[in-house]
Amino acid sequence: MRVKYNEKAVSYLNENLENKLSFEDFLNEKHDFLSQKKDFYLEIGPGKGKFIIDLAARYLNLNFIVCEINKTIAGYCLKAVDESDLKNVKVCDFDFYKLAGVLKKDFFSGIFLNFSDPWPKKRHTKRRLTSDQFFKEYFKILKLNHYIYFKSDNDRFYEFSLEQAKKFKYEIVYNNLDYKDDDLFDSKTEYEEKFLQKGIKIKRFIAKKVEDTVDEINEN
């Protein structure tokens, strides 16, 4: 879903730095948050932040990072994080590939992909957050025997993403085509609540990284 540019949200993003991580923070590895001896979890595309804030509030012993390249959305999310007063959530507002390029191997204990844009046209396949290019980066930054958590309302995108996880040798430990929010390590997103009210079924899988190396993959 496309979001209209909001100058106030972008200004907020640029002026409020307490819960925001810059590229230099990752590059220099000097930020106190990144040096904490906790498990780190990543959400790509956080919306206005409801999911990650709800989860972080229940798991104060874990650290959460959201990555959102759209400045307006990142501004909305950052404001929500600031208002939550949580200290275990940070926002970065630059491209995921740029982030992945400087992260240590096996940095994250989990990756959340919630209601990502399905990019249904074939020519846009590489833009999908479960394309080959993204999965190669996930493989580098996700710890062995840890998980990618995926949710979608889109049947075809769900099927595509599930096959991608299998293609990259992940073990599918959970697969539900009518998910009812029955996992304690989960929370509803803003979109998810709207979909459920409309009777739209939520699809969810959890994929476990079980191999430390993957043979050459034939790209889409």
N, C-alpha and C. Protein backbone atom coordinates (compact mmCIF):
# COMPACT_ATOMS: atom_id res chain seq x y z
N MET A 1 0.84 -1.19 0.00
CA MET A 1 0.00 0.00 0.00
C MET A 1 0.88 1.25 0.00
N ARG A 2 0.58 2.17 -0.91
CA ARG A 2 1.36 3.40 -1.00
C ARG A 2 0.89 4.39 0.07
N VAL A 3 1.83 5.10 0.67
CA VAL A 3 1.52 6.06 1.72
C VAL A 3 1.86 7.45 1.23
N LYS A 4 0.94 8.37 1.41
CA LYS A 4 1.14 9.76 0.98
C LYS A 4 2.22 10.43 1.84
N TYR A 5 3.06 11.19 1.19
CA TYR A 5 4.13 11.91 1.89
C TYR A 5 3.54 12.84 2.95
N ASN A 6 4.11 12.80 4.15
CA ASN A 6 3.65 13.64 5.25
C ASN A 6 4.84 14.42 5.79
N GLU A 7 4.84 15.72 5.56
CA GLU A 7 5.97 16.55 5.95
C GLU A 7 6.21 16.53 7.46
N LYS A 8 5.13 16.52 8.25
CA LYS A 8 5.28 16.52 9.70
C LYS A 8 5.96 15.23 10.18
N ALA A 9 5.59 14.12 9.57
CA ALA A 9 6.19 12.84 9.96
C ALA A 9 7.67 12.80 9.61
N VAL A 10 8.01 13.33 8.45
CA VAL A 10 9.41 13.35 8.02
C VAL A 10 10.22 14.30 8.91
N SER A 11 9.65 15.43 9.26
CA SER A 11 10.33 16.37 10.15
C SER A 11 10.57 15.74 11.51
N TYR A 12 9.57 15.02 11.99
CA TYR A 12 9.72 14.34 13.28
C TYR A 12 10.86 13.33 13.21
N LEU A 13 10.93 12.60 12.12
CA LEU A 13 11.98 11.60 11.92
C LEU A 13 13.36 12.24 11.96
N ASN A 14 13.48 13.41 11.36
CA ASN A 14 14.78 14.08 11.26
C ASN A 14 15.20 14.78 12.55
N GLU A 15 14.22 15.12 13.38
CA GLU A 15 14.51 15.94 14.56
C GLU A 15 14.60 15.15 15.87
N ASN A 16 14.12 13.91 15.86
CA ASN A 16 14.09 13.12 17.09
C ASN A 16 15.00 11.89 16.93
N LEU A 17 16.08 11.88 17.66
CA LEU A 17 17.15 10.91 17.41
C LEU A 17 17.32 9.86 18.51
N GLU A 18 16.64 10.00 19.62
CA GLU A 18 16.88 9.12 20.76
C GLU A 18 16.67 7.65 20.42
N ASN A 19 15.61 7.36 19.69
CA ASN A 19 15.29 5.97 19.37
C ASN A 19 15.52 5.66 17.89
N LYS A 20 16.41 6.39 17.28
CA LYS A 20 16.73 6.21 15.87
C LYS A 20 18.19 5.79 15.73
N LEU A 21 18.44 4.79 14.89
CA LEU A 21 19.79 4.33 14.61
C LEU A 21 20.20 4.78 13.22
N SER A 22 21.38 5.35 13.11
CA SER A 22 21.90 5.79 11.82
C SER A 22 22.76 4.70 11.20
N PHE A 23 23.06 4.85 9.93
CA PHE A 23 23.96 3.90 9.27
C PHE A 23 25.32 3.90 9.96
N GLU A 24 25.78 5.07 10.37
CA GLU A 24 27.08 5.19 11.03
C GLU A 24 27.10 4.42 12.36
N ASP A 25 25.95 4.35 13.04
CA ASP A 25 25.89 3.59 14.29
C ASP A 25 26.24 2.12 14.06
N PHE A 26 25.74 1.57 12.96
CA PHE A 26 26.04 0.18 12.63
C PHE A 26 27.47 0.04 12.11
N LEU A 27 27.88 1.01 11.31
CA LEU A 27 29.20 0.96 10.70
C LEU A 27 30.31 1.04 11.74
N ASN A 28 30.13 1.91 12.74
CA ASN A 28 31.15 2.12 13.76
C ASN A 28 31.02 1.20 14.96
N GLU A 29 29.84 0.57 15.09
CA GLU A 29 29.57 -0.36 16.20
C GLU A 29 29.84 0.26 17.56
N LYS A 30 29.49 1.53 17.71
CA LYS A 30 29.75 2.23 18.96
C LYS A 30 28.48 2.59 19.75
N HIS A 31 27.33 2.36 19.16
CA HIS A 31 26.08 2.71 19.84
C HIS A 31 25.83 1.75 21.00
N ASP A 32 25.49 2.28 22.16
CA ASP A 32 25.28 1.46 23.36
C ASP A 32 24.23 0.37 23.14
N PHE A 33 23.18 0.71 22.40
CA PHE A 33 22.09 -0.24 22.16
C PHE A 33 22.61 -1.48 21.42
N LEU A 34 23.44 -1.27 20.42
CA LEU A 34 23.93 -2.38 19.61
C LEU A 34 24.95 -3.25 20.32
N SER A 35 25.53 -2.74 21.39
CA SER A 35 26.54 -3.49 22.13
C SER A 35 25.96 -4.26 23.31
N GLN A 36 24.66 -4.15 23.51
CA GLN A 36 24.03 -4.86 24.62
C GLN A 36 24.06 -6.38 24.39
N LYS A 37 24.20 -7.12 25.46
CA LYS A 37 24.26 -8.58 25.39
C LYS A 37 22.84 -9.15 25.44
N LYS A 38 22.09 -8.86 24.41
CA LYS A 38 20.72 -9.35 24.28
C LYS A 38 20.52 -9.95 22.89
N ASP A 39 19.46 -10.72 22.74
CA ASP A 39 19.07 -11.19 21.41
C ASP A 39 18.39 -10.04 20.67
N PHE A 40 18.73 -9.89 19.40
CA PHE A 40 18.17 -8.84 18.57
C PHE A 40 17.22 -9.43 17.53
N TYR A 41 16.11 -8.74 17.34
CA TYR A 41 15.11 -9.14 16.34
C TYR A 41 14.86 -7.98 15.39
N LEU A 42 14.62 -8.32 14.13
CA LEU A 42 14.43 -7.32 13.08
C LEU A 42 13.04 -7.43 12.48
N GLU A 43 12.37 -6.28 12.31
CA GLU A 43 11.15 -6.22 11.51
C GLU A 43 11.41 -5.30 10.33
N ILE A 44 11.14 -5.78 9.13
CA ILE A 44 11.28 -4.97 7.92
C ILE A 44 9.89 -4.54 7.49
N GLY A 45 9.68 -3.22 7.44
CA GLY A 45 8.36 -2.71 7.09
C GLY A 45 7.42 -2.73 8.29
N PRO A 46 7.61 -1.84 9.26
CA PRO A 46 6.87 -1.90 10.53
C PRO A 46 5.51 -1.23 10.54
N GLY A 47 5.09 -0.61 9.42
CA GLY A 47 3.86 0.18 9.48
C GLY A 47 4.02 1.30 10.50
N LYS A 48 3.00 1.53 11.28
CA LYS A 48 3.07 2.60 12.29
C LYS A 48 3.62 2.10 13.63
N GLY A 49 4.08 0.84 13.64
CA GLY A 49 4.82 0.36 14.80
C GLY A 49 4.05 -0.46 15.81
N LYS A 50 2.75 -0.70 15.58
CA LYS A 50 1.95 -1.41 16.59
C LYS A 50 2.52 -2.78 16.92
N PHE A 51 2.84 -3.55 15.90
CA PHE A 51 3.34 -4.91 16.11
C PHE A 51 4.58 -4.93 16.99
N ILE A 52 5.57 -4.17 16.59
CA ILE A 52 6.86 -4.24 17.27
C ILE A 52 6.78 -3.66 18.68
N ILE A 53 5.95 -2.64 18.88
CA ILE A 53 5.80 -2.04 20.20
C ILE A 53 5.09 -3.01 21.15
N ASP A 54 4.04 -3.65 20.67
CA ASP A 54 3.33 -4.64 21.50
C ASP A 54 4.26 -5.78 21.91
N LEU A 55 5.05 -6.26 20.95
CA LEU A 55 5.95 -7.38 21.23
C LEU A 55 7.07 -6.96 22.19
N ALA A 56 7.64 -5.80 21.94
CA ALA A 56 8.74 -5.31 22.78
C ALA A 56 8.29 -5.05 24.21
N ALA A 57 7.05 -4.62 24.38
CA ALA A 57 6.53 -4.36 25.72
C ALA A 57 6.40 -5.65 26.52
N ARG A 58 6.19 -6.75 25.85
CA ARG A 58 6.05 -8.05 26.53
C ARG A 58 7.38 -8.76 26.72
N TYR A 59 8.37 -8.37 25.92
CA TYR A 59 9.67 -9.03 25.98
C TYR A 59 10.77 -7.99 26.18
N LEU A 60 10.81 -7.45 27.38
CA LEU A 60 11.77 -6.39 27.69
C LEU A 60 13.21 -6.91 27.74
N ASN A 61 13.36 -8.22 27.78
CA ASN A 61 14.70 -8.82 27.80
C ASN A 61 15.29 -8.96 26.40
N LEU A 62 14.52 -8.60 25.38
CA LEU A 62 14.97 -8.68 23.99
C LEU A 62 15.07 -7.29 23.38
N ASN A 63 15.90 -7.14 22.37
CA ASN A 63 16.01 -5.88 21.63
C ASN A 63 15.42 -6.02 20.23
N PHE A 64 14.74 -4.97 19.77
CA PHE A 64 14.06 -4.99 18.48
C PHE A 64 14.50 -3.80 17.63
N ILE A 65 14.74 -4.07 16.37
CA ILE A 65 15.09 -3.03 15.40
C ILE A 65 14.10 -3.11 14.24
N VAL A 66 13.59 -1.95 13.82
CA VAL A 66 12.74 -1.91 12.64
C VAL A 66 13.47 -1.17 11.53
N CYS A 67 13.30 -1.65 10.32
CA CYS A 67 13.93 -1.05 9.15
C CYS A 67 12.84 -0.60 8.19
N GLU A 68 12.81 0.69 7.89
CA GLU A 68 11.78 1.25 7.01
C GLU A 68 12.40 2.37 6.16
N ILE A 69 12.44 2.17 4.86
CA ILE A 69 13.07 3.13 3.96
C ILE A 69 12.16 4.32 3.66
N ASN A 70 10.84 4.12 3.74
CA ASN A 70 9.91 5.22 3.48
C ASN A 70 9.93 6.19 4.66
N LYS A 71 10.31 7.42 4.41
CA LYS A 71 10.53 8.39 5.49
C LYS A 71 9.24 8.73 6.24
N THR A 72 8.14 8.81 5.53
CA THR A 72 6.87 9.11 6.19
C THR A 72 6.48 8.00 7.16
N ILE A 73 6.54 6.76 6.69
CA ILE A 73 6.19 5.62 7.55
C ILE A 73 7.16 5.52 8.72
N ALA A 74 8.45 5.71 8.43
CA ALA A 74 9.45 5.66 9.50
C ALA A 74 9.19 6.72 10.56
N GLY A 75 8.74 7.90 10.11
CA GLY A 75 8.40 8.96 11.05
C GLY A 75 7.23 8.59 11.94
N TYR A 76 6.19 8.00 11.35
CA TYR A 76 5.04 7.54 12.14
C TYR A 76 5.49 6.51 13.18
N CYS A 77 6.31 5.56 12.72
CA CYS A 77 6.76 4.48 13.60
C CYS A 77 7.63 5.03 14.74
N LEU A 78 8.55 5.92 14.40
CA LEU A 78 9.43 6.49 15.41
C LEU A 78 8.64 7.24 16.48
N LYS A 79 7.63 8.00 16.07
CA LYS A 79 6.81 8.73 17.02
C LYS A 79 6.10 7.76 17.98
N ALA A 80 5.60 6.67 17.44
CA ALA A 80 4.92 5.67 18.27
C ALA A 80 5.90 5.03 19.25
N VAL A 81 7.11 4.75 18.80
CA VAL A 81 8.14 4.19 19.67
C VAL A 81 8.48 5.17 20.78
N ASP A 82 8.67 6.44 20.42
CA ASP A 82 8.98 7.46 21.43
C ASP A 82 7.87 7.55 22.48
N GLU A 83 6.63 7.53 22.03
CA GLU A 83 5.50 7.67 22.95
C GLU A 83 5.32 6.43 23.83
N SER A 84 5.86 5.30 23.41
CA SER A 84 5.75 4.06 24.20
C SER A 84 6.68 4.05 25.41
N ASP A 85 7.73 4.89 25.36
CA ASP A 85 8.75 4.95 26.42
C ASP A 85 9.55 3.66 26.54
N LEU A 86 9.46 2.79 25.56
CA LEU A 86 10.25 1.56 25.57
C LEU A 86 11.70 1.86 25.19
N LYS A 87 12.61 1.17 25.82
CA LYS A 87 14.03 1.38 25.55
C LYS A 87 14.65 0.24 24.74
N ASN A 88 13.83 -0.75 24.38
CA ASN A 88 14.36 -1.90 23.65
C ASN A 88 13.89 -1.96 22.20
N VAL A 89 13.48 -0.80 21.66
CA VAL A 89 13.10 -0.70 20.25
C VAL A 89 13.80 0.50 19.62
N LYS A 90 14.39 0.28 18.43
CA LYS A 90 15.01 1.38 17.70
C LYS A 90 14.58 1.31 16.23
N VAL A 91 14.62 2.46 15.58
CA VAL A 91 14.18 2.59 14.19
C VAL A 91 15.36 2.99 13.32
N CYS A 92 15.51 2.34 12.18
CA CYS A 92 16.48 2.82 11.17
C CYS A 92 15.70 3.08 9.88
N ASP A 93 16.04 4.20 9.23
CA ASP A 93 15.23 4.70 8.11
C ASP A 93 16.01 4.68 6.79
N PHE A 94 16.81 3.64 6.61
CA PHE A 94 17.55 3.54 5.35
C PHE A 94 17.38 2.14 4.78
N ASP A 95 17.88 1.94 3.59
CA ASP A 95 17.66 0.72 2.83
C ASP A 95 18.17 -0.52 3.55
N PHE A 96 17.39 -1.58 3.52
CA PHE A 96 17.77 -2.83 4.19
C PHE A 96 19.09 -3.38 3.67
N TYR A 97 19.31 -3.32 2.36
CA TYR A 97 20.55 -3.85 1.81
C TYR A 97 21.77 -3.12 2.38
N LYS A 98 21.61 -1.82 2.59
CA LYS A 98 22.69 -1.03 3.18
C LYS A 98 22.95 -1.50 4.61
N LEU A 99 21.88 -1.76 5.34
CA LEU A 99 22.01 -2.28 6.70
C LEU A 99 22.68 -3.64 6.71
N ALA A 100 22.18 -4.54 5.87
CA ALA A 100 22.72 -5.91 5.85
C ALA A 100 24.20 -5.93 5.46
N GLY A 101 24.61 -4.94 4.67
CA GLY A 101 25.99 -4.90 4.20
C GLY A 101 27.01 -4.65 5.29
N VAL A 102 26.58 -4.09 6.42
CA VAL A 102 27.53 -3.78 7.49
C VAL A 102 27.28 -4.60 8.76
N LEU A 103 26.23 -5.40 8.77
CA LEU A 103 25.94 -6.19 9.96
C LEU A 103 26.89 -7.38 10.09
N LYS A 104 27.15 -7.75 11.32
CA LYS A 104 27.93 -8.96 11.55
C LYS A 104 27.11 -10.17 11.13
N LYS A 105 27.81 -11.22 10.72
CA LYS A 105 27.15 -12.48 10.39
C LYS A 105 26.42 -12.99 11.63
N ASP A 106 25.24 -13.54 11.43
CA ASP A 106 24.45 -14.14 12.51
C ASP A 106 24.10 -13.11 13.59
N PHE A 107 23.76 -11.91 13.19
CA PHE A 107 23.47 -10.85 14.17
C PHE A 107 22.09 -11.01 14.79
N PHE A 108 21.09 -11.40 14.00
CA PHE A 108 19.71 -11.43 14.49
C PHE A 108 19.27 -12.83 14.92
N SER A 109 18.42 -12.84 15.95
CA SER A 109 17.81 -14.08 16.43
C SER A 109 16.47 -14.34 15.78
N GLY A 110 15.95 -13.39 15.03
CA GLY A 110 14.69 -13.57 14.33
C GLY A 110 14.41 -12.40 13.40
N ILE A 111 13.66 -12.68 12.33
CA ILE A 111 13.29 -11.65 11.35
C ILE A 111 11.78 -11.74 11.14
N PHE A 112 11.09 -10.60 11.27
CA PHE A 112 9.65 -10.53 11.05
C PHE A 112 9.34 -9.86 9.72
N LEU A 113 8.51 -10.53 8.92
CA LEU A 113 8.02 -9.98 7.66
C LEU A 113 6.49 -10.02 7.73
N ASN A 114 5.90 -8.88 8.04
CA ASN A 114 4.45 -8.81 8.27
C ASN A 114 3.76 -8.02 7.17
N PHE A 115 2.94 -8.70 6.38
CA PHE A 115 2.10 -8.04 5.37
C PHE A 115 2.92 -7.15 4.45
N SER A 116 4.02 -7.71 3.97
CA SER A 116 4.87 -7.00 3.02
C SER A 116 4.13 -6.79 1.71
N ASP A 117 4.55 -5.77 0.97
CA ASP A 117 3.99 -5.51 -0.35
C ASP A 117 4.23 -6.74 -1.24
N PRO A 118 3.18 -7.34 -1.82
CA PRO A 118 3.37 -8.56 -2.63
C PRO A 118 4.01 -8.32 -3.99
N TRP A 119 4.04 -7.08 -4.47
CA TRP A 119 4.60 -6.78 -5.79
C TRP A 119 4.18 -7.89 -6.78
N PRO A 120 2.90 -7.95 -7.14
CA PRO A 120 2.37 -9.10 -7.89
C PRO A 120 2.89 -9.25 -9.32
N LYS A 121 3.34 -8.17 -9.95
CA LYS A 121 3.80 -8.29 -11.34
C LYS A 121 5.16 -8.98 -11.39
N LYS A 122 5.34 -9.85 -12.38
CA LYS A 122 6.55 -10.65 -12.48
C LYS A 122 7.80 -9.79 -12.59
N ARG A 123 7.69 -8.66 -13.28
CA ARG A 123 8.87 -7.81 -13.46
C ARG A 123 9.32 -7.15 -12.14
N HIS A 124 8.46 -7.23 -11.13
CA HIS A 124 8.79 -6.65 -9.83
C HIS A 124 9.21 -7.70 -8.80
N THR A 125 9.47 -8.92 -9.25
CA THR A 125 9.78 -10.01 -8.33
C THR A 125 10.92 -9.67 -7.38
N LYS A 126 11.95 -9.00 -7.89
CA LYS A 126 13.13 -8.70 -7.08
C LYS A 126 12.82 -7.73 -5.94
N ARG A 127 11.69 -7.02 -6.02
CA ARG A 127 11.33 -6.08 -4.97
C ARG A 127 10.66 -6.76 -3.77
N ARG A 128 10.20 -7.98 -3.97
CA ARG A 128 9.52 -8.70 -2.89
C ARG A 128 10.51 -9.00 -1.77
N LEU A 129 10.06 -8.86 -0.53
CA LEU A 129 10.95 -9.09 0.61
C LEU A 129 11.30 -10.56 0.81
N THR A 130 10.73 -11.42 -0.05
CA THR A 130 11.10 -12.84 -0.02
C THR A 130 11.71 -13.27 -1.35
N SER A 131 12.24 -12.33 -2.10
CA SER A 131 12.94 -12.66 -3.35
C SER A 131 14.28 -13.31 -3.02
N ASP A 132 14.93 -13.84 -4.03
CA ASP A 132 16.24 -14.46 -3.83
C ASP A 132 17.23 -13.50 -3.18
N GLN A 133 17.25 -12.26 -3.66
CA GLN A 133 18.22 -11.29 -3.16
C GLN A 133 18.05 -11.04 -1.67
N PHE A 134 16.80 -10.91 -1.23
CA PHE A 134 16.54 -10.69 0.19
C PHE A 134 16.88 -11.94 1.00
N PHE A 135 16.49 -13.10 0.50
CA PHE A 135 16.75 -14.32 1.25
C PHE A 135 18.25 -14.57 1.44
N LYS A 136 19.05 -14.19 0.46
CA LYS A 136 20.50 -14.35 0.60
C LYS A 136 21.02 -13.48 1.75
N GLU A 137 20.46 -12.29 1.89
CA GLU A 137 20.88 -11.42 2.99
C GLU A 137 20.38 -11.94 4.33
N TYR A 138 19.14 -12.46 4.34
CA TYR A 138 18.62 -13.03 5.59
C TYR A 138 19.51 -14.17 6.06
N PHE A 139 19.96 -14.98 5.11
CA PHE A 139 20.78 -16.13 5.46
C PHE A 139 22.06 -15.69 6.16
N LYS A 140 22.61 -14.56 5.75
CA LYS A 140 23.85 -14.08 6.35
C LYS A 140 23.63 -13.55 7.77
N ILE A 141 22.56 -12.81 7.97
CA ILE A 141 22.40 -12.07 9.23
C ILE A 141 21.59 -12.82 10.29
N LEU A 142 20.96 -13.93 9.92
CA LEU A 142 20.15 -14.70 10.87
C LEU A 142 20.97 -15.83 11.47
N LYS A 143 20.86 -16.00 12.78
CA LYS A 143 21.59 -17.06 13.47
C LYS A 143 21.08 -18.44 13.05
N LEU A 144 21.96 -19.42 13.13
CA LEU A 144 21.59 -20.80 12.88
C LEU A 144 20.57 -21.25 13.91
N ASN A 145 19.59 -22.03 13.46
CA ASN A 145 18.51 -22.56 14.31
C ASN A 145 17.59 -21.47 14.85
N HIS A 146 17.51 -20.37 14.14
CA HIS A 146 16.58 -19.29 14.46
C HIS A 146 15.66 -19.06 13.27
N TYR A 147 14.74 -18.08 13.39
CA TYR A 147 13.55 -18.11 12.56
C TYR A 147 13.24 -16.82 11.79
N ILE A 148 12.60 -17.05 10.63
CA ILE A 148 11.90 -15.99 9.91
C ILE A 148 10.41 -16.20 10.18
N TYR A 149 9.74 -15.12 10.61
CA TYR A 149 8.30 -15.17 10.91
C TYR A 149 7.57 -14.37 9.82
N PHE A 150 6.70 -15.03 9.08
CA PHE A 150 6.06 -14.41 7.92
C PHE A 150 4.54 -14.44 8.05
N LYS A 151 3.90 -13.30 7.78
CA LYS A 151 2.43 -13.23 7.74
C LYS A 151 1.99 -12.45 6.50
N SER A 152 0.87 -12.88 5.93
CA SER A 152 0.33 -12.17 4.76
C SER A 152 -1.16 -12.46 4.62
N ASP A 153 -1.83 -11.55 3.96
CA ASP A 153 -3.24 -11.75 3.59
C ASP A 153 -3.36 -12.20 2.14
N ASN A 154 -2.24 -12.20 1.41
CA ASN A 154 -2.23 -12.44 -0.02
C ASN A 154 -1.84 -13.89 -0.31
N ASP A 155 -2.77 -14.66 -0.87
CA ASP A 155 -2.55 -16.09 -1.10
C ASP A 155 -1.35 -16.37 -1.99
N ARG A 156 -1.28 -15.69 -3.12
CA ARG A 156 -0.21 -15.98 -4.08
C ARG A 156 1.16 -15.57 -3.54
N PHE A 157 1.21 -14.45 -2.84
CA PHE A 157 2.48 -14.01 -2.25
C PHE A 157 2.90 -14.97 -1.14
N TYR A 158 1.94 -15.46 -0.39
CA TYR A 158 2.23 -16.42 0.67
C TYR A 158 2.84 -17.69 0.08
N GLU A 159 2.21 -18.21 -0.97
CA GLU A 159 2.71 -19.43 -1.60
C GLU A 159 4.12 -19.22 -2.16
N PHE A 160 4.32 -18.07 -2.80
CA PHE A 160 5.64 -17.74 -3.34
C PHE A 160 6.68 -17.72 -2.22
N SER A 161 6.36 -17.06 -1.12
CA SER A 161 7.30 -16.88 -0.03
C SER A 161 7.61 -18.20 0.67
N LEU A 162 6.60 -19.03 0.81
CA LEU A 162 6.80 -20.35 1.42
C LEU A 162 7.76 -21.19 0.58
N GLU A 163 7.57 -21.16 -0.73
CA GLU A 163 8.46 -21.91 -1.62
C GLU A 163 9.87 -21.34 -1.59
N GLN A 164 9.99 -20.03 -1.44
CA GLN A 164 11.31 -19.41 -1.35
C GLN A 164 12.05 -19.89 -0.10
N ALA A 165 11.35 -19.97 1.02
CA ALA A 165 11.96 -20.45 2.25
C ALA A 165 12.47 -21.89 2.07
N LYS A 166 11.68 -22.72 1.43
CA LYS A 166 12.09 -24.10 1.18
C LYS A 166 13.28 -24.14 0.24
N LYS A 167 13.24 -23.29 -0.77
CA LYS A 167 14.32 -23.22 -1.75
C LYS A 167 15.66 -22.91 -1.09
N PHE A 168 15.62 -22.07 -0.06
CA PHE A 168 16.83 -21.70 0.65
C PHE A 168 17.12 -22.61 1.85
N LYS A 169 16.51 -23.79 1.82
CA LYS A 169 16.81 -24.87 2.77
C LYS A 169 16.38 -24.57 4.21
N TYR A 170 15.39 -23.70 4.36
CA TYR A 170 14.82 -23.49 5.69
C TYR A 170 13.84 -24.62 6.00
N GLU A 171 13.74 -24.98 7.26
CA GLU A 171 12.76 -25.96 7.70
C GLU A 171 11.48 -25.22 8.09
N ILE A 172 10.37 -25.60 7.50
CA ILE A 172 9.08 -24.97 7.82
C ILE A 172 8.54 -25.64 9.08
N VAL A 173 8.60 -24.94 10.19
CA VAL A 173 8.20 -25.52 11.47
C VAL A 173 6.75 -25.16 11.83
N TYR A 174 6.17 -24.24 11.06
CA TYR A 174 4.78 -23.83 11.32
C TYR A 174 4.21 -23.30 10.01
N ASN A 175 2.99 -23.72 9.70
CA ASN A 175 2.33 -23.28 8.46
C ASN A 175 0.83 -23.30 8.68
N ASN A 176 0.21 -22.13 8.71
CA ASN A 176 -1.22 -22.02 9.02
C ASN A 176 -1.89 -21.06 8.04
N LEU A 177 -2.88 -21.55 7.31
CA LEU A 177 -3.58 -20.74 6.32
C LEU A 177 -4.78 -19.99 6.89
N ASP A 178 -5.04 -20.18 8.17
CA ASP A 178 -6.13 -19.46 8.84
C ASP A 178 -5.68 -19.14 10.26
N TYR A 179 -4.66 -18.29 10.33
CA TYR A 179 -4.00 -17.99 11.60
C TYR A 179 -4.87 -17.09 12.47
N LYS A 180 -4.96 -17.43 13.77
CA LYS A 180 -5.84 -16.72 14.69
C LYS A 180 -5.08 -16.05 15.85
N ASP A 181 -3.82 -15.71 15.62
CA ASP A 181 -3.05 -15.00 16.65
C ASP A 181 -2.96 -15.84 17.92
N ASP A 182 -2.54 -17.11 17.76
CA ASP A 182 -2.46 -18.02 18.91
C ASP A 182 -1.03 -18.27 19.35
N ASP A 183 -0.11 -17.44 18.93
CA ASP A 183 1.30 -17.57 19.31
C ASP A 183 1.66 -16.41 20.23
N LEU A 184 2.22 -16.72 21.39
CA LEU A 184 2.58 -15.67 22.34
C LEU A 184 3.69 -14.77 21.80
N PHE A 185 4.55 -15.32 20.94
CA PHE A 185 5.62 -14.52 20.36
C PHE A 185 5.16 -13.91 19.04
N ASP A 186 4.10 -13.14 19.15
CA ASP A 186 3.49 -12.51 17.98
C ASP A 186 2.55 -11.42 18.47
N SER A 187 2.14 -10.55 17.57
CA SER A 187 1.15 -9.51 17.87
C SER A 187 0.48 -9.10 16.56
N LYS A 188 -0.69 -8.52 16.66
CA LYS A 188 -1.39 -8.07 15.46
C LYS A 188 -0.82 -6.74 14.97
N THR A 189 -0.75 -6.58 13.67
CA THR A 189 -0.40 -5.30 13.06
C THR A 189 -1.68 -4.50 12.84
N GLU A 190 -1.50 -3.24 12.45
CA GLU A 190 -2.67 -2.41 12.14
C GLU A 190 -3.48 -3.03 11.00
N TYR A 191 -2.78 -3.47 9.95
CA TYR A 191 -3.46 -4.07 8.80
C TYR A 191 -4.14 -5.37 9.17
N GLU A 192 -3.50 -6.15 10.01
CA GLU A 192 -4.05 -7.44 10.39
C GLU A 192 -5.40 -7.29 11.08
N GLU A 193 -5.52 -6.32 11.96
CA GLU A 193 -6.79 -6.10 12.64
C GLU A 193 -7.90 -5.76 11.65
N LYS A 194 -7.57 -4.95 10.64
CA LYS A 194 -8.55 -4.57 9.61
C LYS A 194 -8.95 -5.78 8.77
N PHE A 195 -7.95 -6.59 8.40
CA PHE A 195 -8.24 -7.78 7.59
C PHE A 195 -9.15 -8.74 8.33
N LEU A 196 -8.87 -8.96 9.61
CA LEU A 196 -9.68 -9.89 10.39
C LEU A 196 -11.12 -9.40 10.54
N GLN A 197 -11.29 -8.09 10.69
CA GLN A 197 -12.63 -7.52 10.78
C GLN A 197 -13.43 -7.74 9.50
N LYS A 198 -12.72 -7.81 8.38
CA LYS A 198 -13.36 -8.02 7.08
C LYS A 198 -13.52 -9.50 6.74
N GLY A 199 -13.05 -10.37 7.62
CA GLY A 199 -13.16 -11.80 7.38
C GLY A 199 -12.08 -12.36 6.48
N ILE A 200 -11.02 -11.61 6.26
CA ILE A 200 -9.92 -12.07 5.42
C ILE A 200 -9.00 -12.98 6.23
N LYS A 201 -8.71 -14.14 5.70
CA LYS A 201 -7.87 -15.09 6.42
C LYS A 201 -6.41 -14.66 6.39
N ILE A 202 -5.75 -14.83 7.53
CA ILE A 202 -4.34 -14.51 7.67
C ILE A 202 -3.53 -15.80 7.49
N LYS A 203 -2.50 -15.73 6.66
CA LYS A 203 -1.60 -16.86 6.45
C LYS A 203 -0.29 -16.59 7.17
N ARG A 204 0.24 -17.63 7.85
CA ARG A 204 1.49 -17.44 8.60
C ARG A 204 2.35 -18.69 8.53
N PHE A 205 3.65 -18.47 8.30
CA PHE A 205 4.59 -19.57 8.45
C PHE A 205 5.81 -19.11 9.24
N ILE A 206 6.47 -20.08 9.85
CA ILE A 206 7.72 -19.85 10.56
C ILE A 206 8.76 -20.77 9.94
N ALA A 207 9.86 -20.18 9.48
CA ALA A 207 10.90 -20.94 8.80
C ALA A 207 12.19 -20.90 9.61
N LYS A 208 12.74 -22.07 9.88
CA LYS A 208 13.93 -22.20 10.71
C LYS A 208 15.18 -22.40 9.85
N LYS A 209 16.19 -21.60 10.12
CA LYS A 209 17.48 -21.76 9.43
C LYS A 209 18.21 -22.94 10.05
N VAL A 210 18.37 -24.02 9.28
CA VAL A 210 18.94 -25.25 9.82
C VAL A 210 20.28 -25.62 9.18
N GLU A 211 20.72 -24.84 8.20
CA GLU A 211 22.01 -25.08 7.57
C GLU A 211 22.86 -23.82 7.64
N ASP A 212 24.14 -24.01 7.86
CA ASP A 212 25.03 -22.85 7.98
C ASP A 212 25.53 -22.36 6.63
N THR A 213 25.46 -23.22 5.63
CA THR A 213 25.82 -22.83 4.27
C THR A 213 24.76 -23.36 3.32
N VAL A 214 24.58 -22.68 2.21
CA VAL A 214 23.61 -23.11 1.21
C VAL A 214 24.32 -23.22 -0.13
N ASP A 215 24.07 -24.34 -0.83
CA ASP A 215 24.65 -24.51 -2.15
C ASP A 215 24.14 -23.42 -3.09
N GLU A 216 24.79 -23.25 -4.20
CA GLU A 216 24.40 -22.22 -5.16
C GLU A 216 22.92 -22.34 -5.51
N ILE A 217 22.21 -21.23 -5.41
CA ILE A 217 20.77 -21.22 -5.67
C ILE A 217 20.51 -20.66 -7.06
N ASN A 218 19.64 -21.34 -7.80
CA ASN A 218 19.24 -20.82 -9.11
C ASN A 218 18.24 -19.69 -8.90
N GLU A 219 18.60 -18.47 -9.30
CA GLU A 219 17.75 -17.32 -9.04
C GLU A 219 16.52 -17.33 -9.93
N ASN A 220 15.47 -16.61 -9.43
CA ASN A 220 14.25 -16.48 -10.22
C ASN A 220 14.53 -15.69 -11.49
